[in-house]
């Protein structure tokens, strides 16, 4: 198991919420034990499916682009440099309102799992 991942070498896949993900660090692939780190990419004009994770706490950090975050009953603008905490059980989604792809670093603890993703729409 490697202690390093280059973004360019991380193969993309689509999560249950419809976002394209590249796992940068995950217990299934790396010697990290209690969390995962991934980059999500949301194309212009696209929104992820409203969903929640019953066990996982997430932190999003926007590295490129802008959009809108729905977090529970709140909705607010997100842009480069913003960090958002998503408590377990909280419905959430992002929508890309810009002309370029929206890139978000996603830290999950415990590590991301399709089984912990509940679609809400």
PDB file of N, CA and C in Angstrom:
ATOM      1  N   UNK A   1       0.838  -1.183   0.000  1.00  0.00           N
ATOM      2  CA  UNK A   1       0.000   0.000   0.000  1.00  0.00           C
ATOM      3  C   UNK A   1       0.884   1.248   0.000  1.00  0.00           C
ATOM      4  N   UNK A   2       0.516   2.194  -0.812  1.00  0.00           N
ATOM      5  CA  UNK A   2       1.284   3.413  -0.945  1.00  0.00           C
ATOM      6  C   UNK A   2       0.809   4.485   0.041  1.00  0.00           C
ATOM      7  N   UNK A   3       1.740   5.326   0.461  1.00  0.00           N
ATOM      8  CA  UNK A   3       1.427   6.455   1.330  1.00  0.00           C
ATOM      9  C   UNK A   3       1.143   7.718   0.523  1.00  0.00           C
ATOM     10  N   UNK A   4       1.204   7.620  -0.810  1.00  0.00           N
ATOM     11  CA  UNK A   4       1.046   8.792  -1.661  1.00  0.00           C
ATOM     12  C   UNK A   4       0.160   8.460  -2.850  1.00  0.00           C
ATOM     13  N   UNK A   5      -0.674   9.436  -3.247  1.00  0.00           N
ATOM     14  CA  UNK A   5      -1.483   9.306  -4.451  1.00  0.00           C
ATOM     15  C   UNK A   5      -1.349  10.590  -5.249  1.00  0.00           C
ATOM     16  N   UNK A   6      -1.087  10.474  -6.542  1.00  0.00           N
ATOM     17  CA  UNK A   6      -1.108  11.623  -7.445  1.00  0.00           C
ATOM     18  C   UNK A   6      -2.504  11.701  -8.060  1.00  0.00           C
ATOM     19  N   UNK A   7      -3.109  12.874  -8.046  1.00  0.00           N
ATOM     20  CA  UNK A   7      -4.453  13.055  -8.590  1.00  0.00           C
ATOM     21  C   UNK A   7      -4.548  12.505 -10.007  1.00  0.00           C
ATOM     22  N   UNK A   8      -3.532  12.741 -10.819  1.00  0.00           N
ATOM     23  CA  UNK A   8      -3.565  12.290 -12.212  1.00  0.00           C
ATOM     24  C   UNK A   8      -3.598  10.766 -12.339  1.00  0.00           C
ATOM     25  N   UNK A   9      -3.201  10.059 -11.291  1.00  0.00           N
ATOM     26  CA  UNK A   9      -3.190   8.589 -11.317  1.00  0.00           C
ATOM     27  C   UNK A   9      -4.393   7.963 -10.623  1.00  0.00           C
ATOM     28  N   UNK A  10      -5.271   8.780 -10.061  1.00  0.00           N
ATOM     29  CA  UNK A  10      -6.457   8.272  -9.353  1.00  0.00           C
ATOM     30  C   UNK A  10      -7.599   8.125 -10.360  1.00  0.00           C
ATOM     31  N   UNK A  11      -8.052   6.912 -10.617  1.00  0.00           N
ATOM     32  CA  UNK A  11      -9.117   6.726 -11.609  1.00  0.00           C
ATOM     33  C   UNK A  11     -10.456   7.278 -11.108  1.00  0.00           C
ATOM     34  N   UNK A  12     -11.207   7.948 -11.969  1.00  0.00           N
ATOM     35  CA  UNK A  12     -12.500   8.492 -11.555  1.00  0.00           C
ATOM     36  C   UNK A  12     -13.576   7.417 -11.513  1.00  0.00           C
ATOM     37  N   UNK A  13     -14.575   7.630 -10.652  1.00  0.00           N
ATOM     38  CA  UNK A  13     -15.781   6.809 -10.658  1.00  0.00           C
ATOM     39  C   UNK A  13     -16.946   7.694 -10.233  1.00  0.00           C
ATOM     40  N   UNK A  14     -18.161   7.257 -10.479  1.00  0.00           N
ATOM     41  CA  UNK A  14     -19.354   8.028 -10.153  1.00  0.00           C
ATOM     42  C   UNK A  14     -19.959   7.484  -8.860  1.00  0.00           C
ATOM     43  N   UNK A  15     -20.203   8.384  -7.897  1.00  0.00           N
ATOM     44  CA  UNK A  15     -20.814   7.983  -6.634  1.00  0.00           C
ATOM     45  C   UNK A  15     -22.331   7.921  -6.783  1.00  0.00           C
ATOM     46  N   UNK A  16     -23.010   7.452  -5.754  1.00  0.00           N
ATOM     47  CA  UNK A  16     -24.471   7.341  -5.783  1.00  0.00           C
ATOM     48  C   UNK A  16     -25.148   8.696  -5.975  1.00  0.00           C
ATOM     49  N   UNK A  17     -24.508   9.791  -5.529  1.00  0.00           N
ATOM     50  CA  UNK A  17     -25.121  11.120  -5.682  1.00  0.00           C
ATOM     51  C   UNK A  17     -24.877  11.732  -7.055  1.00  0.00           C
ATOM     52  N   UNK A  18     -24.120  11.043  -7.917  1.00  0.00           N
ATOM     53  CA  UNK A  18     -23.907  11.490  -9.289  1.00  0.00           C
ATOM     54  C   UNK A  18     -22.641  12.290  -9.525  1.00  0.00           C
ATOM     55  N   UNK A  19     -21.836  12.516  -8.501  1.00  0.00           N
ATOM     56  CA  UNK A  19     -20.604  13.267  -8.710  1.00  0.00           C
ATOM     57  C   UNK A  19     -19.467  12.338  -9.140  1.00  0.00           C
ATOM     58  N   UNK A  20     -18.530  12.926  -9.892  1.00  0.00           N
ATOM     59  CA  UNK A  20     -17.337  12.178 -10.300  1.00  0.00           C
ATOM     60  C   UNK A  20     -16.301  12.317  -9.198  1.00  0.00           C
ATOM     61  N   UNK A  21     -15.795  11.200  -8.721  1.00  0.00           N
ATOM     62  CA  UNK A  21     -14.880  11.181  -7.579  1.00  0.00           C
ATOM     63  C   UNK A  21     -13.558  10.531  -7.978  1.00  0.00           C
ATOM     64  N   UNK A  22     -12.497  11.069  -7.419  1.00  0.00           N
ATOM     65  CA  UNK A  22     -11.184  10.428  -7.490  1.00  0.00           C
ATOM     66  C   UNK A  22     -10.729  10.243  -6.037  1.00  0.00           C
ATOM     67  N   UNK A  23     -10.598   8.990  -5.620  1.00  0.00           N
ATOM     68  CA  UNK A  23     -10.137   8.706  -4.252  1.00  0.00           C
ATOM     69  C   UNK A  23      -8.647   8.999  -4.167  1.00  0.00           C
ATOM     70  N   UNK A  24      -8.281   9.922  -3.289  1.00  0.00           N
ATOM     71  CA  UNK A  24      -6.877  10.261  -3.093  1.00  0.00           C
ATOM     72  C   UNK A  24      -6.263   9.426  -1.980  1.00  0.00           C
ATOM     73  N   UNK A  25      -7.036   9.211  -0.920  1.00  0.00           N
ATOM     74  CA  UNK A  25      -6.615   8.345   0.186  1.00  0.00           C
ATOM     75  C   UNK A  25      -7.853   7.639   0.721  1.00  0.00           C
ATOM     76  N   UNK A  26      -7.789   6.322   0.808  1.00  0.00           N
ATOM     77  CA  UNK A  26      -8.921   5.522   1.285  1.00  0.00           C
ATOM     78  C   UNK A  26      -8.382   4.244   1.920  1.00  0.00           C
ATOM     79  N   UNK A  27      -8.982   3.800   3.031  1.00  0.00           N
ATOM     80  CA  UNK A  27      -8.488   2.590   3.703  1.00  0.00           C
ATOM     81  C   UNK A  27      -8.393   1.357   2.807  1.00  0.00           C
ATOM     82  N   UNK A  28      -9.222   1.277   1.784  1.00  0.00           N
ATOM     83  CA  UNK A  28      -9.164   0.115   0.887  1.00  0.00           C
ATOM     84  C   UNK A  28      -7.918   0.137   0.004  1.00  0.00           C
ATOM     85  N   UNK A  29      -7.286   1.309  -0.115  1.00  0.00           N
ATOM     86  CA  UNK A  29      -6.151   1.454  -1.034  1.00  0.00           C
ATOM     87  C   UNK A  29      -4.873   1.960  -0.383  1.00  0.00           C
ATOM     88  N   UNK A  30      -4.978   2.543   0.807  1.00  0.00           N
ATOM     89  CA  UNK A  30      -3.845   3.201   1.448  1.00  0.00           C
ATOM     90  C   UNK A  30      -3.815   2.874   2.938  1.00  0.00           C
ATOM     91  N   UNK A  31      -2.693   3.161   3.607  1.00  0.00           N
ATOM     92  CA  UNK A  31      -2.607   2.840   5.034  1.00  0.00           C
ATOM     93  C   UNK A  31      -3.285   3.856   5.953  1.00  0.00           C
ATOM     94  N   UNK A  32      -4.259   4.599   5.452  1.00  0.00           N
ATOM     95  CA  UNK A  32      -5.081   5.471   6.289  1.00  0.00           C
ATOM     96  C   UNK A  32      -6.160   4.586   6.922  1.00  0.00           C
ATOM     97  N   UNK A  33      -6.551   4.847   8.175  1.00  0.00           N
ATOM     98  CA  UNK A  33      -7.423   3.916   8.867  1.00  0.00           C
ATOM     99  C   UNK A  33      -8.843   4.417   9.128  1.00  0.00           C
ATOM    100  N   UNK A  34      -9.029   5.719   9.402  1.00  0.00           N
ATOM    101  CA  UNK A  34     -10.307   6.198   9.911  1.00  0.00           C
ATOM    102  C   UNK A  34     -11.003   7.238   9.042  1.00  0.00           C
ATOM    103  N   UNK A  35     -10.434   7.557   7.891  1.00  0.00           N
ATOM    104  CA  UNK A  35     -11.016   8.603   7.056  1.00  0.00           C
ATOM    105  C   UNK A  35     -10.629   8.379   5.599  1.00  0.00           C
ATOM    106  N   UNK A  36     -11.230   9.178   4.725  1.00  0.00           N
ATOM    107  CA  UNK A  36     -10.855   9.158   3.314  1.00  0.00           C
ATOM    108  C   UNK A  36     -10.787  10.584   2.803  1.00  0.00           C
ATOM    109  N   UNK A  37     -10.038  10.760   1.728  1.00  0.00           N
ATOM    110  CA  UNK A  37      -9.914  12.051   1.064  1.00  0.00           C
ATOM    111  C   UNK A  37     -10.106  11.819  -0.424  1.00  0.00           C
ATOM    112  N   UNK A  38     -10.997  12.608  -1.022  1.00  0.00           N
ATOM    113  CA  UNK A  38     -11.281  12.463  -2.446  1.00  0.00           C
ATOM    114  C   UNK A  38     -11.483  13.840  -3.055  1.00  0.00           C
ATOM    115  N   UNK A  39     -11.362  13.903  -4.385  1.00  0.00           N
ATOM    116  CA  UNK A  39     -11.748  15.107  -5.105  1.00  0.00           C
ATOM    117  C   UNK A  39     -13.016  14.806  -5.869  1.00  0.00           C
ATOM    118  N   UNK A  40     -14.028  15.665  -5.680  1.00  0.00           N
ATOM    119  CA  UNK A  40     -15.272  15.563  -6.438  1.00  0.00           C
ATOM    120  C   UNK A  40     -15.260  16.636  -7.506  1.00  0.00           C
ATOM    121  N   UNK A  41     -15.766  16.278  -8.698  1.00  0.00           N
ATOM    122  CA  UNK A  41     -15.880  17.233  -9.794  1.00  0.00           C
ATOM    123  C   UNK A  41     -17.336  17.247 -10.251  1.00  0.00           C
ATOM    124  N   UNK A  42     -17.932  18.444 -10.256  1.00  0.00           N
ATOM    125  CA  UNK A  42     -19.310  18.623 -10.703  1.00  0.00           C
ATOM    126  C   UNK A  42     -19.275  19.541 -11.926  1.00  0.00           C
ATOM    127  N   UNK A  43     -19.713  19.046 -13.095  1.00  0.00           N
ATOM    128  CA  UNK A  43     -19.670  19.862 -14.316  1.00  0.00           C
ATOM    129  C   UNK A  43     -20.599  21.075 -14.243  1.00  0.00           C
ATOM    130  N   UNK A  44     -20.364  22.089 -15.085  1.00  0.00           N
ATOM    131  CA  UNK A  44     -21.233  23.273 -15.118  1.00  0.00           C
ATOM    132  C   UNK A  44     -22.690  22.886 -15.363  1.00  0.00           C
ATOM    133  N   UNK A  45     -23.590  23.540 -14.609  1.00  0.00           N
ATOM    134  CA  UNK A  45     -25.017  23.314 -14.779  1.00  0.00           C
ATOM    135  C   UNK A  45     -25.556  22.038 -14.165  1.00  0.00           C
ATOM    136  N   UNK A  46     -24.727  21.303 -13.448  1.00  0.00           N
ATOM    137  CA  UNK A  46     -25.125  20.010 -12.873  1.00  0.00           C
ATOM    138  C   UNK A  46     -25.243  20.128 -11.356  1.00  0.00           C
ATOM    139  N   UNK A  47     -26.216  19.414 -10.785  1.00  0.00           N
ATOM    140  CA  UNK A  47     -26.376  19.318  -9.329  1.00  0.00           C
ATOM    141  C   UNK A  47     -26.273  17.852  -8.929  1.00  0.00           C
ATOM    142  N   UNK A  48     -25.677  17.602  -7.781  1.00  0.00           N
ATOM    143  CA  UNK A  48     -25.675  16.243  -7.253  1.00  0.00           C
ATOM    144  C   UNK A  48     -27.062  15.941  -6.687  1.00  0.00           C
ATOM    145  N   UNK A  49     -27.355  14.675  -6.490  1.00  0.00           N
ATOM    146  CA  UNK A  49     -28.635  14.248  -5.925  1.00  0.00           C
ATOM    147  C   UNK A  49     -28.627  14.539  -4.423  1.00  0.00           C
ATOM    148  N   UNK A  50     -29.729  15.076  -3.904  1.00  0.00           N
ATOM    149  CA  UNK A  50     -29.849  15.303  -2.470  1.00  0.00           C
ATOM    150  C   UNK A  50     -29.681  13.957  -1.763  1.00  0.00           C
ATOM    151  N   UNK A  51     -28.793  13.928  -0.773  1.00  0.00           N
ATOM    152  CA  UNK A  51     -28.491  12.670  -0.087  1.00  0.00           C
ATOM    153  C   UNK A  51     -27.991  12.968   1.319  1.00  0.00           C
ATOM    154  N   UNK A  52     -27.792  11.897   2.087  1.00  0.00           N
ATOM    155  CA  UNK A  52     -27.198  12.014   3.411  1.00  0.00           C
ATOM    156  C   UNK A  52     -26.401  10.753   3.713  1.00  0.00           C
ATOM    157  N   UNK A  53     -25.540  10.892   4.705  1.00  0.00           N
ATOM    158  CA  UNK A  53     -24.737   9.774   5.199  1.00  0.00           C
ATOM    159  C   UNK A  53     -25.068   9.636   6.686  1.00  0.00           C
ATOM    160  N   UNK A  54     -25.544   8.483   7.090  1.00  0.00           N
ATOM    161  CA  UNK A  54     -25.982   8.315   8.478  1.00  0.00           C
ATOM    162  C   UNK A  54     -24.809   8.245   9.455  1.00  0.00           C
ATOM    163  N   UNK A  55     -23.676   7.689   9.044  1.00  0.00           N
ATOM    164  CA  UNK A  55     -22.536   7.531   9.945  1.00  0.00           C
ATOM    165  C   UNK A  55     -21.412   8.528   9.684  1.00  0.00           C
ATOM    166  N   UNK A  56     -21.291   9.000   8.464  1.00  0.00           N
ATOM    167  CA  UNK A  56     -20.109   9.755   8.053  1.00  0.00           C
ATOM    168  C   UNK A  56     -20.260  11.261   8.249  1.00  0.00           C
ATOM    169  N   UNK A  57     -19.233  11.856   8.856  1.00  0.00           N
ATOM    170  CA  UNK A  57     -19.079  13.306   8.886  1.00  0.00           C
ATOM    171  C   UNK A  57     -18.206  13.680   7.692  1.00  0.00           C
ATOM    172  N   UNK A  58     -18.596  14.737   6.979  1.00  0.00           N
ATOM    173  CA  UNK A  58     -17.816  15.164   5.823  1.00  0.00           C
ATOM    174  C   UNK A  58     -17.337  16.600   5.992  1.00  0.00           C
ATOM    175  N   UNK A  59     -16.208  16.888   5.383  1.00  0.00           N
ATOM    176  CA  UNK A  59     -15.725  18.250   5.224  1.00  0.00           C
ATOM    177  C   UNK A  59     -15.501  18.456   3.738  1.00  0.00           C
ATOM    178  N   UNK A  60     -16.095  19.509   3.188  1.00  0.00           N
ATOM    179  CA  UNK A  60     -15.875  19.898   1.793  1.00  0.00           C
ATOM    180  C   UNK A  60     -14.986  21.135   1.791  1.00  0.00           C
ATOM    181  N   UNK A  61     -14.051  21.175   0.849  1.00  0.00           N
ATOM    182  CA  UNK A  61     -13.231  22.362   0.636  1.00  0.00           C
ATOM    183  C   UNK A  61     -13.193  22.641  -0.861  1.00  0.00           C
ATOM    184  N   UNK A  62     -13.707  23.812  -1.266  1.00  0.00           N
ATOM    185  CA  UNK A  62     -13.806  24.168  -2.682  1.00  0.00           C
ATOM    186  C   UNK A  62     -12.449  24.658  -3.172  1.00  0.00           C
ATOM    187  N   UNK A  63     -11.933  23.995  -4.225  1.00  0.00           N
ATOM    188  CA  UNK A  63     -10.631  24.363  -4.778  1.00  0.00           C
ATOM    189  C   UNK A  63     -10.735  25.037  -6.144  1.00  0.00           C
ATOM    190  N   UNK A  64     -11.889  24.913  -6.810  1.00  0.00           N
ATOM    191  CA  UNK A  64     -12.068  25.541  -8.120  1.00  0.00           C
ATOM    192  C   UNK A  64     -13.558  25.631  -8.421  1.00  0.00           C
ATOM    193  N   UNK A  65     -13.983  26.749  -9.017  1.00  0.00           N
ATOM    194  CA  UNK A  65     -15.375  26.916  -9.412  1.00  0.00           C
ATOM    195  C   UNK A  65     -16.231  27.533  -8.318  1.00  0.00           C
ATOM    196  N   UNK A  66     -17.538  27.553  -8.568  1.00  0.00           N
ATOM    197  CA  UNK A  66     -18.480  28.099  -7.597  1.00  0.00           C
ATOM    198  C   UNK A  66     -19.840  27.462  -7.810  1.00  0.00           C
ATOM    199  N   UNK A  67     -20.689  27.608  -6.818  1.00  0.00           N
ATOM    200  CA  UNK A  67     -22.011  27.017  -6.912  1.00  0.00           C
ATOM    201  C   UNK A  67     -22.841  27.306  -5.685  1.00  0.00           C
ATOM    202  N   UNK A  68     -23.811  26.443  -5.458  1.00  0.00           N
ATOM    203  CA  UNK A  68     -24.714  26.551  -4.324  1.00  0.00           C
ATOM    204  C   UNK A  68     -24.687  25.245  -3.539  1.00  0.00           C
ATOM    205  N   UNK A  69     -24.654  25.375  -2.230  1.00  0.00           N
ATOM    206  CA  UNK A  69     -24.688  24.226  -1.328  1.00  0.00           C
ATOM    207  C   UNK A  69     -26.037  24.200  -0.637  1.00  0.00           C
ATOM    208  N   UNK A  70     -26.694  23.047  -0.674  1.00  0.00           N
ATOM    209  CA  UNK A  70     -27.873  22.812   0.143  1.00  0.00           C
ATOM    210  C   UNK A  70     -27.424  21.947   1.307  1.00  0.00           C
ATOM    211  N   UNK A  71     -27.671  22.424   2.523  1.00  0.00           N
ATOM    212  CA  UNK A  71     -27.237  21.729   3.731  1.00  0.00           C
ATOM    213  C   UNK A  71     -28.382  21.805   4.733  1.00  0.00           C
ATOM    214  N   UNK A  72     -29.130  20.709   4.834  1.00  0.00           N
ATOM    215  CA  UNK A  72     -30.323  20.734   5.675  1.00  0.00           C
ATOM    216  C   UNK A  72     -31.318  21.721   5.097  1.00  0.00           C
ATOM    217  N   UNK A  73     -31.804  22.648   5.919  1.00  0.00           N
ATOM    218  CA  UNK A  73     -32.763  23.664   5.473  1.00  0.00           C
ATOM    219  C   UNK A  73     -32.074  24.898   4.887  1.00  0.00           C
ATOM    220  N   UNK A  74     -30.741  24.945   4.972  1.00  0.00           N
ATOM    221  CA  UNK A  74     -29.987  26.091   4.464  1.00  0.00           C
ATOM    222  C   UNK A  74     -29.598  25.914   3.001  1.00  0.00           C
ATOM    223  N   UNK A  75     -29.457  27.034   2.301  1.00  0.00           N
ATOM    224  CA  UNK A  75     -28.883  27.045   0.961  1.00  0.00           C
ATOM    225  C   UNK A  75     -27.997  28.288   0.883  1.00  0.00           C
ATOM    226  N   UNK A  76     -26.742  28.107   0.420  1.00  0.00           N
ATOM    227  CA  UNK A  76     -25.812  29.232   0.394  1.00  0.00           C
ATOM    228  C   UNK A  76     -24.797  29.042  -0.726  1.00  0.00           C
ATOM    229  N   UNK A  77     -24.216  30.172  -1.143  1.00  0.00           N
ATOM    230  CA  UNK A  77     -23.205  30.168  -2.201  1.00  0.00           C
ATOM    231  C   UNK A  77     -21.905  29.572  -1.674  1.00  0.00           C
ATOM    232  N   UNK A  78     -21.194  28.856  -2.550  1.00  0.00           N
ATOM    233  CA  UNK A  78     -19.856  28.345  -2.232  1.00  0.00           C
ATOM    234  C   UNK A  78     -18.911  28.762  -3.346  1.00  0.00           C
ATOM    235  N   UNK A  79     -17.657  29.025  -2.962  1.00  0.00           N
ATOM    236  CA  UNK A  79     -16.650  29.442  -3.927  1.00  0.00           C
ATOM    237  C   UNK A  79     -15.276  28.988  -3.447  1.00  0.00           C
ATOM    238  N   UNK A  80     -14.274  29.224  -4.278  1.00  0.00           N
ATOM    239  CA  UNK A  80     -12.903  28.814  -3.967  1.00  0.00           C
ATOM    240  C   UNK A  80     -12.502  29.312  -2.579  1.00  0.00           C
ATOM    241  N   UNK A  81     -11.957  28.402  -1.785  1.00  0.00           N
ATOM    242  CA  UNK A  81     -11.489  28.723  -0.449  1.00  0.00           C
ATOM    243  C   UNK A  81     -12.487  28.436   0.658  1.00  0.00           C
ATOM    244  N   UNK A  82     -13.748  28.158   0.295  1.00  0.00           N
ATOM    245  CA  UNK A  82     -14.764  27.857   1.313  1.00  0.00           C
ATOM    246  C   UNK A  82     -14.620  26.417   1.804  1.00  0.00           C
ATOM    247  N   UNK A  83     -14.808  26.225   3.113  1.00  0.00           N
ATOM    248  CA  UNK A  83     -14.842  24.902   3.730  1.00  0.00           C
ATOM    249  C   UNK A  83     -16.184  24.746   4.441  1.00  0.00           C
ATOM    250  N   UNK A  84     -16.796  23.579   4.280  1.00  0.00           N
ATOM    251  CA  UNK A  84     -18.124  23.320   4.822  1.00  0.00           C
ATOM    252  C   UNK A  84     -18.092  22.019   5.611  1.00  0.00           C
ATOM    253  N   UNK A  85     -18.664  22.010   6.820  1.00  0.00           N
ATOM    254  CA  UNK A  85     -18.804  20.771   7.579  1.00  0.00           C
ATOM    255  C   UNK A  85     -20.218  20.237   7.366  1.00  0.00           C
ATOM    256  N   UNK A  86     -20.303  18.931   7.131  1.00  0.00           N
ATOM    257  CA  UNK A  86     -21.584  18.264   6.911  1.00  0.00           C
ATOM    258  C   UNK A  86     -21.738  17.197   7.990  1.00  0.00           C
ATOM    259  N   UNK A  87     -22.528  17.484   9.025  1.00  0.00           N
ATOM    260  CA  UNK A  87     -22.704  16.509  10.101  1.00  0.00           C
ATOM    261  C   UNK A  87     -23.409  15.241   9.608  1.00  0.00           C
ATOM    262  N   UNK A  88     -23.165  14.102  10.240  1.00  0.00           N
ATOM    263  CA  UNK A  88     -23.859  12.870   9.872  1.00  0.00           C
ATOM    264  C   UNK A  88     -25.371  13.066   9.883  1.00  0.00           C
ATOM    265  N   UNK A  89     -26.057  12.480   8.906  1.00  0.00           N
ATOM    266  CA  UNK A  89     -27.508  12.523   8.842  1.00  0.00           C
ATOM    267  C   UNK A  89     -28.081  13.773   8.204  1.00  0.00           C
ATOM    268  N   UNK A  90     -27.240  14.728   7.805  1.00  0.00           N
ATOM    269  CA  UNK A  90     -27.721  15.995   7.251  1.00  0.00           C
ATOM    270  C   UNK A  90     -27.878  15.893   5.731  1.00  0.00           C
ATOM    271  N   UNK A  91     -29.087  16.138   5.212  1.00  0.00           N
ATOM    272  CA  UNK A  91     -29.278  16.138   3.755  1.00  0.00           C
ATOM    273  C   UNK A  91     -28.428  17.238   3.115  1.00  0.00           C
ATOM    274  N   UNK A  92     -27.808  16.903   1.982  1.00  0.00           N
ATOM    275  CA  UNK A  92     -26.966  17.889   1.308  1.00  0.00           C
ATOM    276  C   UNK A  92     -26.810  17.576  -0.174  1.00  0.00           C
ATOM    277  N   UNK A  93     -26.448  18.618  -0.914  1.00  0.00           N
ATOM    278  CA  UNK A  93     -26.086  18.500  -2.321  1.00  0.00           C
ATOM    279  C   UNK A  93     -25.413  19.793  -2.740  1.00  0.00           C
ATOM    280  N   UNK A  94     -24.701  19.730  -3.864  1.00  0.00           N
ATOM    281  CA  UNK A  94     -24.098  20.918  -4.449  1.00  0.00           C
ATOM    282  C   UNK A  94     -24.580  21.065  -5.881  1.00  0.00           C
ATOM    283  N   UNK A  95     -24.664  22.323  -6.313  1.00  0.00           N
ATOM    284  CA  UNK A  95     -25.017  22.621  -7.696  1.00  0.00           C
ATOM    285  C   UNK A  95     -23.966  23.569  -8.250  1.00  0.00           C
ATOM    286  N   UNK A  96     -23.463  23.248  -9.430  1.00  0.00           N
ATOM    287  CA  UNK A  96     -22.473  24.090 -10.080  1.00  0.00           C
ATOM    288  C   UNK A  96     -23.196  25.152 -10.896  1.00  0.00           C
ATOM    289  N   UNK A  97     -23.045  26.408 -10.514  1.00  0.00           N
ATOM    290  CA  UNK A  97     -23.696  27.511 -11.204  1.00  0.00           C
ATOM    291  C   UNK A  97     -22.749  28.238 -12.160  1.00  0.00           C
ATOM    292  N   UNK A  98     -21.497  27.821 -12.181  1.00  0.00           N
ATOM    293  CA  UNK A  98     -20.501  28.512 -12.990  1.00  0.00           C
ATOM    294  C   UNK A  98     -20.354  27.948 -14.394  1.00  0.00           C
ATOM    295  N   UNK A  99     -19.360  28.479 -15.100  1.00  0.00           N
ATOM    296  CA  UNK A  99     -19.062  28.052 -16.469  1.00  0.00           C
ATOM    297  C   UNK A  99     -17.941  27.013 -16.518  1.00  0.00           C
ATOM    298  N   UNK A 100     -17.277  26.794 -15.380  1.00  0.00           N
ATOM    299  CA  UNK A 100     -16.192  25.816 -15.283  1.00  0.00           C
ATOM    300  C   UNK A 100     -16.571  24.739 -14.277  1.00  0.00           C
ATOM    301  N   UNK A 101     -15.874  23.625 -14.325  1.00  0.00           N
ATOM    302  CA  UNK A 101     -16.147  22.544 -13.372  1.00  0.00           C
ATOM    303  C   UNK A 101     -15.915  23.011 -11.940  1.00  0.00           C
ATOM    304  N   UNK A 102     -16.742  22.513 -11.032  1.00  0.00           N
ATOM    305  CA  UNK A 102     -16.628  22.767  -9.598  1.00  0.00           C
ATOM    306  C   UNK A 102     -15.809  21.624  -9.003  1.00  0.00           C
ATOM    307  N   UNK A 103     -14.692  21.941  -8.362  1.00  0.00           N
ATOM    308  CA  UNK A 103     -13.810  20.935  -7.750  1.00  0.00           C
ATOM    309  C   UNK A 103     -13.864  21.090  -6.241  1.00  0.00           C
ATOM    310  N   UNK A 104     -14.121  19.983  -5.558  1.00  0.00           N
ATOM    311  CA  UNK A 104     -14.249  19.996  -4.099  1.00  0.00           C
ATOM    312  C   UNK A 104     -13.429  18.846  -3.515  1.00  0.00           C
ATOM    313  N   UNK A 105     -12.567  19.164  -2.546  1.00  0.00           N
ATOM    314  CA  UNK A 105     -11.915  18.121  -1.766  1.00  0.00           C
ATOM    315  C   UNK A 105     -12.897  17.672  -0.698  1.00  0.00           C
ATOM    316  N   UNK A 106     -13.066  16.354  -0.559  1.00  0.00           N
ATOM    317  CA  UNK A 106     -14.036  15.776   0.381  1.00  0.00           C
ATOM    318  C   UNK A 106     -13.310  14.861   1.356  1.00  0.00           C
ATOM    319  N   UNK A 107     -13.340  15.230   2.623  1.00  0.00           N
ATOM    320  CA  UNK A 107     -12.763  14.395   3.675  1.00  0.00           C
ATOM    321  C   UNK A 107     -13.921  13.737   4.419  1.00  0.00           C
ATOM    322  N   UNK A 108     -13.883  12.426   4.548  1.00  0.00           N
ATOM    323  CA  UNK A 108     -14.956  11.667   5.196  1.00  0.00           C
ATOM    324  C   UNK A 108     -14.405  10.847   6.354  1.00  0.00           C
ATOM    325  N   UNK A 109     -15.104  10.896   7.491  1.00  0.00           N
ATOM    326  CA  UNK A 109     -14.740  10.073   8.635  1.00  0.00           C
ATOM    327  C   UNK A 109     -16.024   9.539   9.262  1.00  0.00           C
ATOM    328  N   UNK A 110     -16.212   8.214   9.310  1.00  0.00           N
ATOM    329  CA  UNK A 110     -15.330   7.208   8.724  1.00  0.00           C
ATOM    330  C   UNK A 110     -15.279   7.344   7.198  1.00  0.00           C
ATOM    331  N   UNK A 111     -14.413   6.581   6.568  1.00  0.00           N
ATOM    332  CA  UNK A 111     -14.171   6.666   5.133  1.00  0.00           C
ATOM    333  C   UNK A 111     -15.450   6.496   4.321  1.00  0.00           C
ATOM    334  N   UNK A 112     -15.472   7.134   3.141  1.00  0.00           N
ATOM    335  CA  UNK A 112     -16.633   7.070   2.259  1.00  0.00           C
ATOM    336  C   UNK A 112     -17.011   5.624   1.944  1.00  0.00           C
ATOM    337  N   UNK A 113     -18.317   5.380   1.922  1.00  0.00           N
ATOM    338  CA  UNK A 113     -18.863   4.079   1.546  1.00  0.00           C
ATOM    339  C   UNK A 113     -20.187   4.294   0.838  1.00  0.00           C
ATOM    340  N   UNK A 114     -20.388   3.625  -0.300  1.00  0.00           N
ATOM    341  CA  UNK A 114     -21.679   3.679  -0.984  1.00  0.00           C
ATOM    342  C   UNK A 114     -22.802   3.240  -0.041  1.00  0.00           C
ATOM    343  N   UNK A 115     -22.511   2.267   0.818  1.00  0.00           N
ATOM    344  CA  UNK A 115     -23.527   1.728   1.729  1.00  0.00           C
ATOM    345  C   UNK A 115     -24.027   2.753   2.743  1.00  0.00           C
ATOM    346  N   UNK A 116     -23.236   3.798   2.994  1.00  0.00           N
ATOM    347  CA  UNK A 116     -23.639   4.837   3.956  1.00  0.00           C
ATOM    348  C   UNK A 116     -24.283   6.030   3.261  1.00  0.00           C
ATOM    349  N   UNK A 117     -24.585   5.904   1.971  1.00  0.00           N
ATOM    350  CA  UNK A 117     -25.192   6.993   1.207  1.00  0.00           C
ATOM    351  C   UNK A 117     -26.658   6.679   0.966  1.00  0.00           C
ATOM    352  N   UNK A 118     -27.545   7.552   1.464  1.00  0.00           N
ATOM    353  CA  UNK A 118     -28.977   7.401   1.282  1.00  0.00           C
ATOM    354  C   UNK A 118     -29.465   8.522   0.366  1.00  0.00           C
ATOM    355  N   UNK A 119     -29.974   8.155  -0.826  1.00  0.00           N
ATOM    356  CA  UNK A 119     -30.508   9.146  -1.757  1.00  0.00           C
ATOM    357  C   UNK A 119     -31.872   9.616  -1.260  1.00  0.00           C
ATOM    358  N   UNK A 120     -32.139  10.919  -1.377  1.00  0.00           N
ATOM    359  CA  UNK A 120     -33.364  11.493  -0.822  1.00  0.00           C
ATOM    360  C   UNK A 120     -34.308  12.044  -1.892  1.00  0.00           C
ATOM    361  N   UNK A 121     -33.956  11.912  -3.160  1.00  0.00           N
ATOM    362  CA  UNK A 121     -34.856  12.338  -4.238  1.00  0.00           C
ATOM    363  C   UNK A 121     -34.830  11.373  -5.387  1.00  0.00           C
TER     364      UNK A 121
END
